[in-house]
Amino acid sequence: MSFAIHHIDLDIAIRRHAAIESIRGKYAPSADVVDDTDGVSIAVKGWRSNLRASNTEPVIRLNIESDVDMQVMRARTEERLTHLRAHAE
C-alpha cells in the first residue's frame, strides 16, 4: 500500500485557534476518528488530515494523507484550503 501526502504551511492572516476549531466543526461530525492531541486530526476511511499551529513559526500546518489515490488527496486538500481561505482575516 502506498500513501499520497501533502504538507502545506499556510501563512495567511488567520486566527490559528479559530481555524482549527472551524475545520473541526465542519469535518469532525462525519469522521471515523477525531484526535485533538496536536491541533485537530480527522480520519475517514482512506484518508486523514491534521491541522495544527506551528510552535516555532507564525503559520498553520495542513497535512493530508491518503491511501486511496492522489485524486482523493487533492480533493480533500482543496476542500480544506478553500474553507481556511474563506475564514482568513
N, C-alpha and C. Protein backbone atom coordinates (compact mmCIF):
# COMPACT_ATOMS: atom_id res chain seq x y z
N MET A 1 0.85 -1.17 0.00
CA MET A 1 0.00 0.00 0.00
C MET A 1 0.90 1.24 0.00
N SER A 2 0.54 2.22 -0.79
CA SER A 2 1.31 3.46 -0.81
C SER A 2 0.41 4.61 -0.38
N PHE A 3 1.05 5.65 0.11
CA PHE A 3 0.33 6.82 0.57
C PHE A 3 0.68 8.02 -0.28
N ALA A 4 -0.31 8.86 -0.52
CA ALA A 4 -0.09 10.17 -1.13
C ALA A 4 -0.15 11.16 0.03
N ILE A 5 0.79 12.09 0.08
CA ILE A 5 0.87 13.02 1.20
C ILE A 5 1.07 14.44 0.71
N HIS A 6 0.32 15.37 1.30
CA HIS A 6 0.52 16.82 1.09
C HIS A 6 0.84 17.45 2.43
N HIS A 7 1.89 18.24 2.50
CA HIS A 7 2.22 19.05 3.67
C HIS A 7 2.23 20.50 3.21
N ILE A 8 1.39 21.32 3.80
CA ILE A 8 1.27 22.72 3.38
C ILE A 8 1.38 23.62 4.60
N ASP A 9 2.26 24.62 4.54
CA ASP A 9 2.34 25.66 5.55
C ASP A 9 1.58 26.87 5.04
N LEU A 10 0.58 27.31 5.78
CA LEU A 10 -0.23 28.45 5.39
C LEU A 10 0.16 29.66 6.22
N ASP A 11 0.57 30.71 5.54
CA ASP A 11 0.91 31.93 6.26
C ASP A 11 -0.12 33.02 6.00
N ILE A 12 -1.35 32.61 5.71
CA ILE A 12 -2.43 33.58 5.52
C ILE A 12 -2.79 34.19 6.87
N ALA A 13 -3.33 35.38 6.85
CA ALA A 13 -3.74 36.05 8.08
C ALA A 13 -5.00 35.37 8.60
N ILE A 14 -4.82 34.52 9.59
CA ILE A 14 -5.94 33.77 10.14
C ILE A 14 -5.68 33.52 11.61
N ARG A 15 -6.71 33.57 12.39
CA ARG A 15 -6.57 33.22 13.80
C ARG A 15 -6.42 31.71 13.87
N ARG A 16 -5.27 31.25 14.27
CA ARG A 16 -4.94 29.83 14.16
C ARG A 16 -5.89 28.95 14.97
N HIS A 17 -6.18 29.32 16.20
CA HIS A 17 -7.07 28.50 17.02
C HIS A 17 -8.47 28.45 16.41
N ALA A 18 -8.94 29.60 15.94
CA ALA A 18 -10.27 29.65 15.32
C ALA A 18 -10.31 28.79 14.05
N ALA A 19 -9.22 28.78 13.29
CA ALA A 19 -9.16 27.96 12.08
C ALA A 19 -9.26 26.48 12.41
N ILE A 20 -8.54 26.07 13.43
CA ILE A 20 -8.57 24.66 13.85
C ILE A 20 -9.98 24.29 14.29
N GLU A 21 -10.61 25.13 15.09
CA GLU A 21 -11.97 24.85 15.55
C GLU A 21 -12.97 24.83 14.40
N SER A 22 -12.77 25.70 13.41
CA SER A 22 -13.66 25.74 12.25
C SER A 22 -13.57 24.45 11.45
N ILE A 23 -12.33 23.98 11.22
CA ILE A 23 -12.16 22.71 10.49
C ILE A 23 -12.74 21.56 11.30
N ARG A 24 -12.51 21.57 12.61
CA ARG A 24 -13.06 20.51 13.47
C ARG A 24 -14.58 20.50 13.38
N GLY A 25 -15.19 21.67 13.48
CA GLY A 25 -16.65 21.76 13.43
C GLY A 25 -17.24 21.30 12.12
N LYS A 26 -16.54 21.56 11.03
CA LYS A 26 -17.05 21.19 9.71
C LYS A 26 -16.88 19.70 9.41
N TYR A 27 -15.71 19.14 9.75
CA TYR A 27 -15.39 17.78 9.30
C TYR A 27 -15.47 16.69 10.37
N ALA A 28 -15.41 17.04 11.64
CA ALA A 28 -15.42 16.03 12.69
C ALA A 28 -16.73 15.22 12.75
N PRO A 29 -17.89 15.83 12.53
CA PRO A 29 -19.12 15.05 12.65
C PRO A 29 -19.19 13.84 11.71
N SER A 30 -18.53 13.89 10.57
CA SER A 30 -18.58 12.76 9.64
C SER A 30 -17.32 11.90 9.69
N ALA A 31 -16.44 12.16 10.66
CA ALA A 31 -15.17 11.44 10.74
C ALA A 31 -15.32 10.11 11.46
N ASP A 32 -14.42 9.19 11.13
CA ASP A 32 -14.34 7.92 11.86
C ASP A 32 -13.57 8.12 13.17
N VAL A 33 -12.52 8.95 13.11
CA VAL A 33 -11.68 9.23 14.28
C VAL A 33 -11.34 10.72 14.30
N VAL A 34 -11.43 11.33 15.48
CA VAL A 34 -11.01 12.71 15.69
C VAL A 34 -10.06 12.71 16.88
N ASP A 35 -8.90 13.36 16.69
CA ASP A 35 -7.89 13.42 17.75
C ASP A 35 -7.46 14.88 17.90
N ASP A 36 -7.58 15.40 19.11
CA ASP A 36 -7.23 16.79 19.38
C ASP A 36 -5.87 16.95 20.06
N THR A 37 -5.04 15.92 19.98
CA THR A 37 -3.74 15.96 20.66
C THR A 37 -2.86 17.10 20.17
N ASP A 38 -2.75 17.28 18.88
CA ASP A 38 -1.89 18.32 18.30
C ASP A 38 -2.68 19.00 17.19
N GLY A 39 -3.42 20.06 17.54
CA GLY A 39 -4.34 20.66 16.57
C GLY A 39 -5.57 19.78 16.49
N VAL A 40 -5.96 19.45 15.27
CA VAL A 40 -7.06 18.50 15.08
C VAL A 40 -6.70 17.54 13.95
N SER A 41 -6.79 16.25 14.25
CA SER A 41 -6.59 15.21 13.25
C SER A 41 -7.93 14.55 13.01
N ILE A 42 -8.27 14.39 11.74
CA ILE A 42 -9.55 13.81 11.34
C ILE A 42 -9.28 12.67 10.37
N ALA A 43 -9.78 11.50 10.69
CA ALA A 43 -9.57 10.33 9.84
C ALA A 43 -10.91 9.79 9.35
N VAL A 44 -10.95 9.48 8.08
CA VAL A 44 -12.08 8.85 7.42
C VAL A 44 -11.49 7.74 6.58
N LYS A 45 -12.24 6.70 6.33
CA LYS A 45 -11.72 5.58 5.56
C LYS A 45 -10.98 6.05 4.30
N GLY A 46 -9.71 5.71 4.22
CA GLY A 46 -8.93 6.01 3.03
C GLY A 46 -8.09 7.27 3.10
N TRP A 47 -8.35 8.14 4.08
CA TRP A 47 -7.55 9.36 4.17
C TRP A 47 -7.65 9.97 5.57
N ARG A 48 -6.69 10.83 5.87
CA ARG A 48 -6.72 11.55 7.13
C ARG A 48 -6.07 12.92 6.95
N SER A 49 -6.42 13.83 7.85
CA SER A 49 -5.84 15.17 7.79
C SER A 49 -5.48 15.62 9.20
N ASN A 50 -4.54 16.54 9.27
CA ASN A 50 -4.16 17.17 10.52
C ASN A 50 -3.95 18.65 10.25
N LEU A 51 -4.52 19.48 11.08
CA LEU A 51 -4.32 20.92 11.01
C LEU A 51 -3.84 21.36 12.37
N ARG A 52 -2.68 22.03 12.40
CA ARG A 52 -2.12 22.46 13.67
C ARG A 52 -1.35 23.76 13.51
N ALA A 53 -1.26 24.49 14.59
CA ALA A 53 -0.46 25.71 14.62
C ALA A 53 0.99 25.32 14.84
N SER A 54 1.89 25.97 14.13
CA SER A 54 3.32 25.76 14.35
C SER A 54 3.70 26.35 15.70
N ASN A 55 4.60 25.67 16.39
CA ASN A 55 5.11 26.19 17.67
C ASN A 55 6.26 27.15 17.47
N THR A 56 6.86 27.17 16.29
CA THR A 56 8.06 27.97 16.06
C THR A 56 7.92 29.03 14.97
N GLU A 57 6.83 28.97 14.20
CA GLU A 57 6.62 29.91 13.11
C GLU A 57 5.17 30.41 13.14
N PRO A 58 4.90 31.58 12.58
CA PRO A 58 3.53 32.11 12.56
C PRO A 58 2.72 31.54 11.40
N VAL A 59 2.66 30.22 11.32
CA VAL A 59 1.93 29.55 10.24
C VAL A 59 1.04 28.48 10.84
N ILE A 60 0.12 28.04 10.03
CA ILE A 60 -0.71 26.89 10.37
C ILE A 60 -0.35 25.79 9.37
N ARG A 61 -0.22 24.56 9.85
CA ARG A 61 0.22 23.46 9.00
C ARG A 61 -0.93 22.51 8.72
N LEU A 62 -1.09 22.22 7.44
CA LEU A 62 -2.11 21.27 6.99
C LEU A 62 -1.41 20.07 6.38
N ASN A 63 -1.72 18.90 6.88
CA ASN A 63 -1.18 17.65 6.35
C ASN A 63 -2.36 16.77 5.95
N ILE A 64 -2.31 16.26 4.74
CA ILE A 64 -3.35 15.35 4.24
C ILE A 64 -2.64 14.10 3.75
N GLU A 65 -3.15 12.94 4.14
CA GLU A 65 -2.61 11.67 3.68
C GLU A 65 -3.75 10.80 3.16
N SER A 66 -3.49 10.09 2.08
CA SER A 66 -4.50 9.20 1.50
C SER A 66 -3.85 7.89 1.08
N ASP A 67 -4.49 6.80 1.39
CA ASP A 67 -4.04 5.52 0.87
C ASP A 67 -4.97 5.05 -0.24
N VAL A 68 -5.86 5.93 -0.67
CA VAL A 68 -6.80 5.61 -1.74
C VAL A 68 -6.17 5.99 -3.09
N ASP A 69 -6.03 7.26 -3.33
CA ASP A 69 -5.36 7.72 -4.55
C ASP A 69 -5.09 9.21 -4.48
N MET A 70 -4.32 9.67 -5.41
CA MET A 70 -3.91 11.07 -5.44
C MET A 70 -5.10 12.00 -5.65
N GLN A 71 -6.10 11.60 -6.41
CA GLN A 71 -7.27 12.45 -6.66
C GLN A 71 -8.02 12.74 -5.36
N VAL A 72 -8.19 11.72 -4.54
CA VAL A 72 -8.89 11.90 -3.26
C VAL A 72 -8.11 12.89 -2.40
N MET A 73 -6.80 12.69 -2.32
CA MET A 73 -5.98 13.58 -1.51
C MET A 73 -6.05 15.02 -2.01
N ARG A 74 -5.97 15.21 -3.31
CA ARG A 74 -6.05 16.57 -3.87
C ARG A 74 -7.40 17.21 -3.57
N ALA A 75 -8.46 16.44 -3.71
CA ALA A 75 -9.80 16.97 -3.44
C ALA A 75 -9.95 17.36 -1.97
N ARG A 76 -9.49 16.52 -1.06
CA ARG A 76 -9.58 16.82 0.37
C ARG A 76 -8.71 18.03 0.73
N THR A 77 -7.55 18.12 0.12
CA THR A 77 -6.67 19.25 0.36
C THR A 77 -7.34 20.54 -0.10
N GLU A 78 -7.88 20.55 -1.30
CA GLU A 78 -8.52 21.75 -1.84
C GLU A 78 -9.73 22.15 -1.02
N GLU A 79 -10.52 21.18 -0.54
CA GLU A 79 -11.67 21.48 0.32
C GLU A 79 -11.23 22.25 1.55
N ARG A 80 -10.20 21.76 2.20
CA ARG A 80 -9.73 22.39 3.42
C ARG A 80 -9.10 23.76 3.17
N LEU A 81 -8.32 23.87 2.10
CA LEU A 81 -7.72 25.16 1.77
C LEU A 81 -8.80 26.20 1.46
N THR A 82 -9.81 25.81 0.72
CA THR A 82 -10.92 26.72 0.40
C THR A 82 -11.62 27.16 1.68
N HIS A 83 -11.86 26.22 2.57
CA HIS A 83 -12.52 26.52 3.85
C HIS A 83 -11.66 27.49 4.67
N LEU A 84 -10.36 27.23 4.75
CA LEU A 84 -9.46 28.09 5.54
C LEU A 84 -9.35 29.48 4.93
N ARG A 85 -9.24 29.56 3.62
CA ARG A 85 -9.15 30.88 2.97
C ARG A 85 -10.41 31.71 3.18
N ALA A 86 -11.55 31.04 3.22
CA ALA A 86 -12.81 31.73 3.44
C ALA A 86 -12.87 32.33 4.85
N HIS A 87 -12.09 31.81 5.76
CA HIS A 87 -12.08 32.29 7.14
C HIS A 87 -10.85 33.15 7.46
N ALA A 88 -10.10 33.51 6.43
CA ALA A 88 -8.92 34.36 6.63
C ALA A 88 -9.38 35.76 7.05
N GLU A 89 -8.52 36.42 7.78
CA GLU A 89 -8.85 37.78 8.25
C GLU A 89 -8.66 38.79 7.15
